[in-house]
């Protein structure tokens, strides 16, 4: 079994390295407007291999475990629904804040089959690798120390779910009520909801959420998240300057830019990256919870 997994990781690394390199080359030198699916998939394969070599485990190894045969379909379902609602329904059609340039039905099919899942898993692997790098350099302690009663923690988690659900619904209300409040500011709420909902449910199911760790300023976690966000956002957005696969149509304070990219885009990457980690943690915890009940 070990040799089988090792072979899968090696093959995926070789394939991923080719896809990753081709995506970058085609975007930079040929302005390929369909680079990101291959880029995300290739990056995930390469990052997963690096994580496996460093930590002797990875999210792919988790999915390949026969006891977790249902984990990847569950992850794919949850990630697809989340990305479809926030990206396509809210971002593209309701708020009209960005668009995928000249996308066909086939392009969107590839997005929901491969791009979104690869993107989320890739972000998770960047986080694990960065965290592994900092583990011996930064303490895994909190700068802010406080304790809440059990009932307060539960109520806080329930409120997090409620706020998250409201966050998804408010953009619909703003558009249909023809509110004068700019929709581009409201769109931060669904991204926050992507963090709050899975992380709060993870806590209620006695898992390990990351929001309390962020609030308590766990140095290792905060540094790891910060560098994950920087690597992910700059890598994706700078490459898109060449490929031009997506375009931002309206952003808060659009006159404030970095590398001709609206500053608000990088602000949005903060909850976006954190949400990917929350989603994977949520799926993994559901899997462990189900496995424990089967014993």
C-alpha atoms as a PDB file:
ATOM      1  CA  UNK A   1       0.000   0.000   0.000  1.00  0.00           C
ATOM      2  CA  UNK A   2       2.850   2.382   0.860  1.00  0.00           C
ATOM      3  CA  UNK A   3       4.569   1.705  -2.482  1.00  0.00           C
ATOM      4  CA  UNK A   4       1.276   2.212  -4.286  1.00  0.00           C
ATOM      5  CA  UNK A   5       0.747   5.620  -2.670  1.00  0.00           C
ATOM      6  CA  UNK A   6       4.352   6.597  -3.289  1.00  0.00           C
ATOM      7  CA  UNK A   7       3.970   5.748  -6.998  1.00  0.00           C
ATOM      8  CA  UNK A   8       0.757   7.772  -7.224  1.00  0.00           C
ATOM      9  CA  UNK A   9       2.487  10.786  -5.686  1.00  0.00           C
ATOM     10  CA  UNK A  10       5.455  10.508  -8.053  1.00  0.00           C
ATOM     11  CA  UNK A  11       3.227  10.185 -11.130  1.00  0.00           C
ATOM     12  CA  UNK A  12       1.034  13.089  -9.987  1.00  0.00           C
ATOM     13  CA  UNK A  13       4.141  15.208  -9.379  1.00  0.00           C
ATOM     14  CA  UNK A  14       5.470  14.589 -12.901  1.00  0.00           C
ATOM     15  CA  UNK A  15       2.077  15.313 -14.433  1.00  0.00           C
ATOM     16  CA  UNK A  16       1.589  18.329 -12.183  1.00  0.00           C
ATOM     17  CA  UNK A  17       5.006  19.750 -12.996  1.00  0.00           C
ATOM     18  CA  UNK A  18       4.210  19.542 -16.708  1.00  0.00           C
ATOM     19  CA  UNK A  19       0.747  21.111 -16.332  1.00  0.00           C
ATOM     20  CA  UNK A  20       2.049  23.815 -14.002  1.00  0.00           C
ATOM     21  CA  UNK A  21       4.952  24.696 -16.301  1.00  0.00           C
ATOM     22  CA  UNK A  22       2.804  24.645 -19.429  1.00  0.00           C
ATOM     23  CA  UNK A  23       0.164  26.889 -17.825  1.00  0.00           C
ATOM     24  CA  UNK A  24       2.746  29.500 -16.820  1.00  0.00           C
ATOM     25  CA  UNK A  25       4.572  29.344 -20.147  1.00  0.00           C
ATOM     26  CA  UNK A  26       1.383  29.603 -22.217  1.00  0.00           C
ATOM     27  CA  UNK A  27       0.039  32.472 -20.105  1.00  0.00           C
ATOM     28  CA  UNK A  28       3.244  34.524 -20.083  1.00  0.00           C
ATOM     29  CA  UNK A  29       4.416  33.988 -23.667  1.00  0.00           C
ATOM     30  CA  UNK A  30       1.157  33.307 -25.522  1.00  0.00           C
ATOM     31  CA  UNK A  31      -1.394  35.125 -23.345  1.00  0.00           C
ATOM     32  CA  UNK A  32      -3.383  31.921 -22.990  1.00  0.00           C
ATOM     33  CA  UNK A  33      -6.833  32.980 -21.670  1.00  0.00           C
ATOM     34  CA  UNK A  34      -7.529  29.449 -20.399  1.00  0.00           C
ATOM     35  CA  UNK A  35      -4.465  28.858 -18.256  1.00  0.00           C
ATOM     36  CA  UNK A  36      -5.880  28.717 -14.747  1.00  0.00           C
ATOM     37  CA  UNK A  37      -7.456  25.254 -14.699  1.00  0.00           C
ATOM     38  CA  UNK A  38      -4.156  23.648 -15.715  1.00  0.00           C
ATOM     39  CA  UNK A  39      -2.277  26.021 -13.411  1.00  0.00           C
ATOM     40  CA  UNK A  40      -4.431  25.161 -10.388  1.00  0.00           C
ATOM     41  CA  UNK A  41      -4.428  21.416 -11.076  1.00  0.00           C
ATOM     42  CA  UNK A  42      -0.687  21.289 -11.749  1.00  0.00           C
ATOM     43  CA  UNK A  43       0.122  23.418  -8.723  1.00  0.00           C
ATOM     44  CA  UNK A  44      -1.962  21.167  -6.497  1.00  0.00           C
ATOM     45  CA  UNK A  45      -0.190  18.002  -7.699  1.00  0.00           C
ATOM     46  CA  UNK A  46       3.241  19.574  -7.194  1.00  0.00           C
ATOM     47  CA  UNK A  47       2.405  21.054  -3.790  1.00  0.00           C
ATOM     48  CA  UNK A  48       0.823  17.829  -2.610  1.00  0.00           C
ATOM     49  CA  UNK A  49       4.016  15.944  -3.499  1.00  0.00           C
ATOM     50  CA  UNK A  50       6.132  18.478  -1.582  1.00  0.00           C
ATOM     51  CA  UNK A  51       3.832  18.203   1.426  1.00  0.00           C
ATOM     52  CA  UNK A  52       4.043  14.405   1.239  1.00  0.00           C
ATOM     53  CA  UNK A  53       7.842  14.491   1.164  1.00  0.00           C
ATOM     54  CA  UNK A  54       8.006  16.897   4.115  1.00  0.00           C
ATOM     55  CA  UNK A  55       5.285  15.508   6.360  1.00  0.00           C
ATOM     56  CA  UNK A  56       4.891  11.922   5.077  1.00  0.00           C
ATOM     57  CA  UNK A  57       1.236  12.687   4.478  1.00  0.00           C
ATOM     58  CA  UNK A  58      -0.927  15.031   2.388  1.00  0.00           C
ATOM     59  CA  UNK A  59      -4.520  15.644   1.447  1.00  0.00           C
ATOM     60  CA  UNK A  60      -4.118  13.290  -1.535  1.00  0.00           C
ATOM     61  CA  UNK A  61      -2.855  10.579   0.810  1.00  0.00           C
ATOM     62  CA  UNK A  62      -5.921  11.228   2.948  1.00  0.00           C
ATOM     63  CA  UNK A  63      -8.251  10.795  -0.025  1.00  0.00           C
ATOM     64  CA  UNK A  64      -6.402   7.657  -1.173  1.00  0.00           C
ATOM     65  CA  UNK A  65      -7.033   5.958   2.160  1.00  0.00           C
ATOM     66  CA  UNK A  66      -9.611   3.246   1.521  1.00  0.00           C
ATOM     67  CA  UNK A  67     -11.408   4.055   4.737  1.00  0.00           C
ATOM     68  CA  UNK A  68     -12.045   7.545   3.355  1.00  0.00           C
ATOM     69  CA  UNK A  69     -13.395   6.482  -0.048  1.00  0.00           C
ATOM     70  CA  UNK A  70     -16.333   8.880   0.315  1.00  0.00           C
ATOM     71  CA  UNK A  71     -14.220  11.889   1.419  1.00  0.00           C
ATOM     72  CA  UNK A  72     -13.303  13.214  -2.020  1.00  0.00           C
ATOM     73  CA  UNK A  73     -16.862  13.062  -3.466  1.00  0.00           C
ATOM     74  CA  UNK A  74     -18.026  14.851  -0.319  1.00  0.00           C
ATOM     75  CA  UNK A  75     -15.313  17.482  -0.696  1.00  0.00           C
ATOM     76  CA  UNK A  76     -16.093  17.912  -4.404  1.00  0.00           C
ATOM     77  CA  UNK A  77     -19.796  18.399  -3.664  1.00  0.00           C
ATOM     78  CA  UNK A  78     -19.218  20.972  -0.913  1.00  0.00           C
ATOM     79  CA  UNK A  79     -16.510  22.883  -2.780  1.00  0.00           C
ATOM     80  CA  UNK A  80     -18.513  22.961  -6.017  1.00  0.00           C
ATOM     81  CA  UNK A  81     -21.632  24.307  -4.318  1.00  0.00           C
ATOM     82  CA  UNK A  82     -19.620  26.936  -2.425  1.00  0.00           C
ATOM     83  CA  UNK A  83     -17.726  28.119  -5.514  1.00  0.00           C
ATOM     84  CA  UNK A  84     -20.821  28.063  -7.710  1.00  0.00           C
ATOM     85  CA  UNK A  85     -22.792  30.252  -5.311  1.00  0.00           C
ATOM     86  CA  UNK A  86     -20.073  32.747  -4.397  1.00  0.00           C
ATOM     87  CA  UNK A  87     -18.290  32.971  -7.738  1.00  0.00           C
ATOM     88  CA  UNK A  88     -20.805  32.338 -10.508  1.00  0.00           C
ATOM     89  CA  UNK A  89     -24.122  33.256  -8.883  1.00  0.00           C
ATOM     90  CA  UNK A  90     -23.092  36.162  -6.654  1.00  0.00           C
ATOM     91  CA  UNK A  91     -19.847  37.495  -8.099  1.00  0.00           C
ATOM     92  CA  UNK A  92     -20.543  37.121 -11.820  1.00  0.00           C
ATOM     93  CA  UNK A  93     -24.327  37.411 -12.111  1.00  0.00           C
ATOM     94  CA  UNK A  94     -25.702  39.219  -9.055  1.00  0.00           C
ATOM     95  CA  UNK A  95     -22.990  41.706  -8.117  1.00  0.00           C
ATOM     96  CA  UNK A  96     -21.324  41.693 -11.565  1.00  0.00           C
ATOM     97  CA  UNK A  97     -17.975  42.407  -9.945  1.00  0.00           C
ATOM     98  CA  UNK A  98     -15.901  40.186 -12.236  1.00  0.00           C
ATOM     99  CA  UNK A  99     -16.313  38.040 -15.278  1.00  0.00           C
ATOM    100  CA  UNK A 100     -14.633  35.020 -16.833  1.00  0.00           C
ATOM    101  CA  UNK A 101     -13.818  36.372 -20.264  1.00  0.00           C
ATOM    102  CA  UNK A 102     -15.534  34.634 -23.172  1.00  0.00           C
ATOM    103  CA  UNK A 103     -16.239  31.506 -21.160  1.00  0.00           C
ATOM    104  CA  UNK A 104     -18.273  28.805 -22.886  1.00  0.00           C
ATOM    105  CA  UNK A 105     -20.381  26.110 -21.238  1.00  0.00           C
ATOM    106  CA  UNK A 106     -17.425  23.735 -21.595  1.00  0.00           C
ATOM    107  CA  UNK A 107     -15.125  26.222 -19.837  1.00  0.00           C
ATOM    108  CA  UNK A 108     -17.507  26.478 -16.897  1.00  0.00           C
ATOM    109  CA  UNK A 109     -17.767  22.680 -16.820  1.00  0.00           C
ATOM    110  CA  UNK A 110     -13.976  22.443 -16.529  1.00  0.00           C
ATOM    111  CA  UNK A 111     -14.083  25.086 -13.827  1.00  0.00           C
ATOM    112  CA  UNK A 112     -16.518  23.167 -11.646  1.00  0.00           C
ATOM    113  CA  UNK A 113     -15.007  19.750 -12.338  1.00  0.00           C
ATOM    114  CA  UNK A 114     -11.320  20.622 -11.950  1.00  0.00           C
ATOM    115  CA  UNK A 115     -10.409  24.259 -11.317  1.00  0.00           C
ATOM    116  CA  UNK A 116     -12.301  25.004  -8.120  1.00  0.00           C
ATOM    117  CA  UNK A 117     -11.425  21.767  -6.366  1.00  0.00           C
ATOM    118  CA  UNK A 118      -7.770  22.026  -7.430  1.00  0.00           C
ATOM    119  CA  UNK A 119      -7.636  25.642  -6.289  1.00  0.00           C
ATOM    120  CA  UNK A 120      -8.978  24.826  -2.813  1.00  0.00           C
ATOM    121  CA  UNK A 121      -6.691  21.819  -2.363  1.00  0.00           C
ATOM    122  CA  UNK A 122      -3.734  23.815  -3.667  1.00  0.00           C
ATOM    123  CA  UNK A 123      -4.349  26.601  -1.148  1.00  0.00           C
ATOM    124  CA  UNK A 124      -4.569  24.015   1.618  1.00  0.00           C
ATOM    125  CA  UNK A 125      -1.257  22.471   0.556  1.00  0.00           C
ATOM    126  CA  UNK A 126       0.491  25.851   0.378  1.00  0.00           C
ATOM    127  CA  UNK A 127      -0.670  26.469   3.939  1.00  0.00           C
ATOM    128  CA  UNK A 128       0.640  23.104   5.148  1.00  0.00           C
ATOM    129  CA  UNK A 129       4.014  23.621   3.472  1.00  0.00           C
ATOM    130  CA  UNK A 130       4.392  27.179   4.778  1.00  0.00           C
ATOM    131  CA  UNK A 131       3.353  26.052   8.239  1.00  0.00           C
ATOM    132  CA  UNK A 132       5.938  23.251   8.134  1.00  0.00           C
ATOM    133  CA  UNK A 133       8.590  25.802   7.172  1.00  0.00           C
ATOM    134  CA  UNK A 134       7.757  28.065  10.128  1.00  0.00           C
ATOM    135  CA  UNK A 135       7.235  25.330  12.735  1.00  0.00           C
ATOM    136  CA  UNK A 136      10.837  25.433  13.950  1.00  0.00           C
ATOM    137  CA  UNK A 137      11.077  29.211  13.753  1.00  0.00           C
ATOM    138  CA  UNK A 138       7.833  30.494  15.257  1.00  0.00           C
ATOM    139  CA  UNK A 139       6.180  29.419  18.473  1.00  0.00           C
ATOM    140  CA  UNK A 140       2.788  27.730  18.367  1.00  0.00           C
ATOM    141  CA  UNK A 141       1.436  29.929  21.156  1.00  0.00           C
ATOM    142  CA  UNK A 142      -1.188  32.632  21.572  1.00  0.00           C
ATOM    143  CA  UNK A 143      -0.441  36.305  22.090  1.00  0.00           C
ATOM    144  CA  UNK A 144      -3.957  36.839  23.435  1.00  0.00           C
ATOM    145  CA  UNK A 145      -5.095  34.414  26.090  1.00  0.00           C
ATOM    146  CA  UNK A 146      -8.691  34.147  27.250  1.00  0.00           C
ATOM    147  CA  UNK A 147     -11.220  31.422  27.916  1.00  0.00           C
ATOM    148  CA  UNK A 148     -14.932  31.352  27.253  1.00  0.00           C
ATOM    149  CA  UNK A 149     -17.507  29.189  28.937  1.00  0.00           C
ATOM    150  CA  UNK A 150     -18.710  26.183  26.973  1.00  0.00           C
ATOM    151  CA  UNK A 151     -22.161  27.644  26.434  1.00  0.00           C
ATOM    152  CA  UNK A 152     -20.637  30.925  25.221  1.00  0.00           C
ATOM    153  CA  UNK A 153     -18.458  29.054  22.719  1.00  0.00           C
ATOM    154  CA  UNK A 154     -21.470  27.128  21.435  1.00  0.00           C
ATOM    155  CA  UNK A 155     -23.586  30.272  21.114  1.00  0.00           C
ATOM    156  CA  UNK A 156     -20.725  32.019  19.324  1.00  0.00           C
ATOM    157  CA  UNK A 157     -20.449  29.152  16.837  1.00  0.00           C
ATOM    158  CA  UNK A 158     -24.217  29.171  16.248  1.00  0.00           C
ATOM    159  CA  UNK A 159     -24.094  32.928  15.677  1.00  0.00           C
ATOM    160  CA  UNK A 160     -21.232  32.362  13.238  1.00  0.00           C
ATOM    161  CA  UNK A 161     -23.413  30.025  11.171  1.00  0.00           C
ATOM    162  CA  UNK A 162     -26.334  32.454  11.251  1.00  0.00           C
ATOM    163  CA  UNK A 163     -24.124  35.390  10.231  1.00  0.00           C
ATOM    164  CA  UNK A 164     -22.629  33.264   7.462  1.00  0.00           C
ATOM    165  CA  UNK A 165     -26.052  32.341   6.076  1.00  0.00           C
ATOM    166  CA  UNK A 166     -27.146  35.981   6.236  1.00  0.00           C
ATOM    167  CA  UNK A 167     -23.921  36.932   4.454  1.00  0.00           C
ATOM    168  CA  UNK A 168     -24.883  34.740   1.504  1.00  0.00           C
ATOM    169  CA  UNK A 169     -28.412  36.134   1.307  1.00  0.00           C
ATOM    170  CA  UNK A 170     -27.741  39.878   1.719  1.00  0.00           C
ATOM    171  CA  UNK A 171     -26.375  40.435  -1.844  1.00  0.00           C
ATOM    172  CA  UNK A 172     -29.661  39.063  -3.262  1.00  0.00           C
ATOM    173  CA  UNK A 173     -31.624  41.443  -1.062  1.00  0.00           C
ATOM    174  CA  UNK A 174     -29.467  44.456  -1.973  1.00  0.00           C
ATOM    175  CA  UNK A 175     -29.903  43.852  -5.701  1.00  0.00           C
ATOM    176  CA  UNK A 176     -33.615  43.054  -5.652  1.00  0.00           C
ATOM    177  CA  UNK A 177     -34.463  45.893  -3.268  1.00  0.00           C
ATOM    178  CA  UNK A 178     -32.482  48.299  -5.457  1.00  0.00           C
ATOM    179  CA  UNK A 179     -30.629  49.539  -2.401  1.00  0.00           C
ATOM    180  CA  UNK A 180     -28.355  52.535  -2.824  1.00  0.00           C
ATOM    181  CA  UNK A 181     -25.687  50.755  -0.801  1.00  0.00           C
ATOM    182  CA  UNK A 182     -22.926  49.645  -3.228  1.00  0.00           C
ATOM    183  CA  UNK A 183     -23.076  45.901  -3.857  1.00  0.00           C
ATOM    184  CA  UNK A 184     -19.293  45.702  -4.156  1.00  0.00           C
ATOM    185  CA  UNK A 185     -18.971  46.396  -0.416  1.00  0.00           C
ATOM    186  CA  UNK A 186     -21.693  43.914   0.464  1.00  0.00           C
ATOM    187  CA  UNK A 187     -19.902  41.140  -1.442  1.00  0.00           C
ATOM    188  CA  UNK A 188     -17.378  40.819   1.353  1.00  0.00           C
ATOM    189  CA  UNK A 189     -20.105  39.153   3.417  1.00  0.00           C
ATOM    190  CA  UNK A 190     -20.397  35.911   1.373  1.00  0.00           C
ATOM    191  CA  UNK A 191     -16.621  35.495   1.534  1.00  0.00           C
ATOM    192  CA  UNK A 192     -16.800  35.848   5.320  1.00  0.00           C
ATOM    193  CA  UNK A 193     -19.670  33.356   5.284  1.00  0.00           C
ATOM    194  CA  UNK A 194     -17.417  30.852   3.513  1.00  0.00           C
ATOM    195  CA  UNK A 195     -15.156  31.028   6.559  1.00  0.00           C
ATOM    196  CA  UNK A 196     -17.749  31.169   9.328  1.00  0.00           C
ATOM    197  CA  UNK A 197     -20.068  28.355   8.264  1.00  0.00           C
ATOM    198  CA  UNK A 198     -17.649  25.420   7.853  1.00  0.00           C
ATOM    199  CA  UNK A 199     -15.425  26.527  10.733  1.00  0.00           C
ATOM    200  CA  UNK A 200     -18.359  26.985  13.128  1.00  0.00           C
ATOM    201  CA  UNK A 201     -19.844  23.606  12.207  1.00  0.00           C
ATOM    202  CA  UNK A 202     -16.425  22.030  12.718  1.00  0.00           C
ATOM    203  CA  UNK A 203     -16.372  23.440  16.241  1.00  0.00           C
ATOM    204  CA  UNK A 204     -19.916  22.270  17.021  1.00  0.00           C
ATOM    205  CA  UNK A 205     -18.906  18.782  15.891  1.00  0.00           C
ATOM    206  CA  UNK A 206     -15.981  18.916  18.344  1.00  0.00           C
ATOM    207  CA  UNK A 207     -13.346  19.517  15.714  1.00  0.00           C
ATOM    208  CA  UNK A 208     -10.519  22.054  15.683  1.00  0.00           C
ATOM    209  CA  UNK A 209     -11.623  25.375  14.140  1.00  0.00           C
ATOM    210  CA  UNK A 210      -9.111  28.022  13.123  1.00  0.00           C
ATOM    211  CA  UNK A 211     -11.090  31.210  13.805  1.00  0.00           C
ATOM    212  CA  UNK A 212     -10.483  31.029  17.592  1.00  0.00           C
ATOM    213  CA  UNK A 213      -6.786  30.510  16.864  1.00  0.00           C
ATOM    214  CA  UNK A 214      -6.729  33.625  14.673  1.00  0.00           C
ATOM    215  CA  UNK A 215      -8.578  35.676  17.299  1.00  0.00           C
ATOM    216  CA  UNK A 216      -6.125  34.547  19.972  1.00  0.00           C
ATOM    217  CA  UNK A 217      -3.263  35.411  17.591  1.00  0.00           C
ATOM    218  CA  UNK A 218      -1.611  32.031  17.333  1.00  0.00           C
ATOM    219  CA  UNK A 219       1.685  33.224  15.873  1.00  0.00           C
ATOM    220  CA  UNK A 220       2.426  30.097  13.858  1.00  0.00           C
ATOM    221  CA  UNK A 221      -1.041  30.064  12.329  1.00  0.00           C
ATOM    222  CA  UNK A 222      -1.158  33.812  11.617  1.00  0.00           C
ATOM    223  CA  UNK A 223       2.271  33.863   9.963  1.00  0.00           C
ATOM    224  CA  UNK A 224       1.429  30.756   7.942  1.00  0.00           C
ATOM    225  CA  UNK A 225      -1.856  32.245   6.766  1.00  0.00           C
ATOM    226  CA  UNK A 226      -0.245  35.568   5.902  1.00  0.00           C
ATOM    227  CA  UNK A 227       2.425  34.048   3.674  1.00  0.00           C
ATOM    228  CA  UNK A 228      -0.064  31.616   2.133  1.00  0.00           C
ATOM    229  CA  UNK A 229      -2.280  34.547   1.154  1.00  0.00           C
ATOM    230  CA  UNK A 230       0.669  36.521  -0.254  1.00  0.00           C
ATOM    231  CA  UNK A 231       1.966  33.588  -2.321  1.00  0.00           C
ATOM    232  CA  UNK A 232      -1.459  32.561  -3.591  1.00  0.00           C
ATOM    233  CA  UNK A 233      -2.790  36.016  -4.435  1.00  0.00           C
ATOM    234  CA  UNK A 234       0.338  37.345  -6.119  1.00  0.00           C
ATOM    235  CA  UNK A 235       0.921  34.126  -8.052  1.00  0.00           C
ATOM    236  CA  UNK A 236      -2.626  34.011  -9.412  1.00  0.00           C
ATOM    237  CA  UNK A 237      -3.213  37.710 -10.031  1.00  0.00           C
ATOM    238  CA  UNK A 238       0.166  38.454 -11.647  1.00  0.00           C
ATOM    239  CA  UNK A 239      -0.164  35.479 -13.981  1.00  0.00           C
ATOM    240  CA  UNK A 240      -3.641  36.658 -14.937  1.00  0.00           C
ATOM    241  CA  UNK A 241      -2.121  39.974 -16.057  1.00  0.00           C
ATOM    242  CA  UNK A 242      -0.606  37.937 -18.899  1.00  0.00           C
ATOM    243  CA  UNK A 243      -3.366  35.400 -19.539  1.00  0.00           C
ATOM    244  CA  UNK A 244      -6.347  37.632 -18.845  1.00  0.00           C
ATOM    245  CA  UNK A 245      -8.711  34.778 -17.973  1.00  0.00           C
ATOM    246  CA  UNK A 246     -10.802  36.893 -15.614  1.00  0.00           C
ATOM    247  CA  UNK A 247     -11.500  40.608 -15.433  1.00  0.00           C
ATOM    248  CA  UNK A 248     -12.584  42.808 -12.526  1.00  0.00           C
ATOM    249  CA  UNK A 249     -15.491  45.066 -13.416  1.00  0.00           C
ATOM    250  CA  UNK A 250     -16.253  46.868 -10.169  1.00  0.00           C
ATOM    251  CA  UNK A 251     -14.369  46.864  -6.879  1.00  0.00           C
ATOM    252  CA  UNK A 252     -14.447  48.977  -3.713  1.00  0.00           C
ATOM    253  CA  UNK A 253     -12.011  51.884  -3.999  1.00  0.00           C
ATOM    254  CA  UNK A 254     -11.081  50.767  -7.514  1.00  0.00           C
ATOM    255  CA  UNK A 255      -8.695  53.703  -7.882  1.00  0.00           C
ATOM    256  CA  UNK A 256      -6.388  52.095  -5.307  1.00  0.00           C
ATOM    257  CA  UNK A 257      -4.314  49.527  -7.171  1.00  0.00           C
ATOM    258  CA  UNK A 258      -1.244  47.340  -6.781  1.00  0.00           C
ATOM    259  CA  UNK A 259       0.385  46.273 -10.083  1.00  0.00           C
ATOM    260  CA  UNK A 260      -2.749  47.617 -11.797  1.00  0.00           C
ATOM    261  CA  UNK A 261      -4.830  45.215  -9.726  1.00  0.00           C
ATOM    262  CA  UNK A 262      -7.478  46.749  -7.421  1.00  0.00           C
ATOM    263  CA  UNK A 263      -6.286  46.662  -3.827  1.00  0.00           C
ATOM    264  CA  UNK A 264      -9.697  45.336  -2.793  1.00  0.00           C
ATOM    265  CA  UNK A 265      -8.922  42.139  -4.727  1.00  0.00           C
ATOM    266  CA  UNK A 266      -6.072  41.331  -2.342  1.00  0.00           C
ATOM    267  CA  UNK A 267      -8.330  42.111   0.622  1.00  0.00           C
ATOM    268  CA  UNK A 268     -10.799  39.574  -0.771  1.00  0.00           C
ATOM    269  CA  UNK A 269      -8.062  36.961  -0.961  1.00  0.00           C
ATOM    270  CA  UNK A 270      -7.824  36.967   2.851  1.00  0.00           C
ATOM    271  CA  UNK A 271     -11.201  35.317   3.588  1.00  0.00           C
ATOM    272  CA  UNK A 272     -10.950  33.404   0.305  1.00  0.00           C
ATOM    273  CA  UNK A 273      -7.770  31.572   1.318  1.00  0.00           C
ATOM    274  CA  UNK A 274      -8.878  31.077   4.923  1.00  0.00           C
ATOM    275  CA  UNK A 275     -12.160  29.600   3.688  1.00  0.00           C
ATOM    276  CA  UNK A 276     -10.340  26.967   1.628  1.00  0.00           C
ATOM    277  CA  UNK A 277      -8.563  25.739   4.755  1.00  0.00           C
ATOM    278  CA  UNK A 278     -11.820  25.774   6.721  1.00  0.00           C
ATOM    279  CA  UNK A 279     -13.585  23.730   4.022  1.00  0.00           C
ATOM    280  CA  UNK A 280     -10.874  21.059   3.905  1.00  0.00           C
ATOM    281  CA  UNK A 281     -10.703  20.903   7.711  1.00  0.00           C
ATOM    282  CA  UNK A 282     -14.480  20.536   7.798  1.00  0.00           C
ATOM    283  CA  UNK A 283     -14.486  17.631   5.330  1.00  0.00           C
ATOM    284  CA  UNK A 284     -11.620  15.894   7.117  1.00  0.00           C
ATOM    285  CA  UNK A 285     -13.351  16.232  10.472  1.00  0.00           C
ATOM    286  CA  UNK A 286     -16.627  14.868   9.093  1.00  0.00           C
ATOM    287  CA  UNK A 287     -14.663  11.907   7.773  1.00  0.00           C
ATOM    288  CA  UNK A 288     -12.925  11.239  11.094  1.00  0.00           C
ATOM    289  CA  UNK A 289     -16.241  11.629  12.913  1.00  0.00           C
ATOM    290  CA  UNK A 290     -17.944   9.124  10.634  1.00  0.00           C
ATOM    291  CA  UNK A 291     -15.039   6.680  10.901  1.00  0.00           C
ATOM    292  CA  UNK A 292     -15.105   6.829  14.714  1.00  0.00           C
ATOM    293  CA  UNK A 293     -18.821   5.988  14.768  1.00  0.00           C
ATOM    294  CA  UNK A 294     -18.287   2.987  12.471  1.00  0.00           C
ATOM    295  CA  UNK A 295     -15.842   1.374  14.928  1.00  0.00           C
END
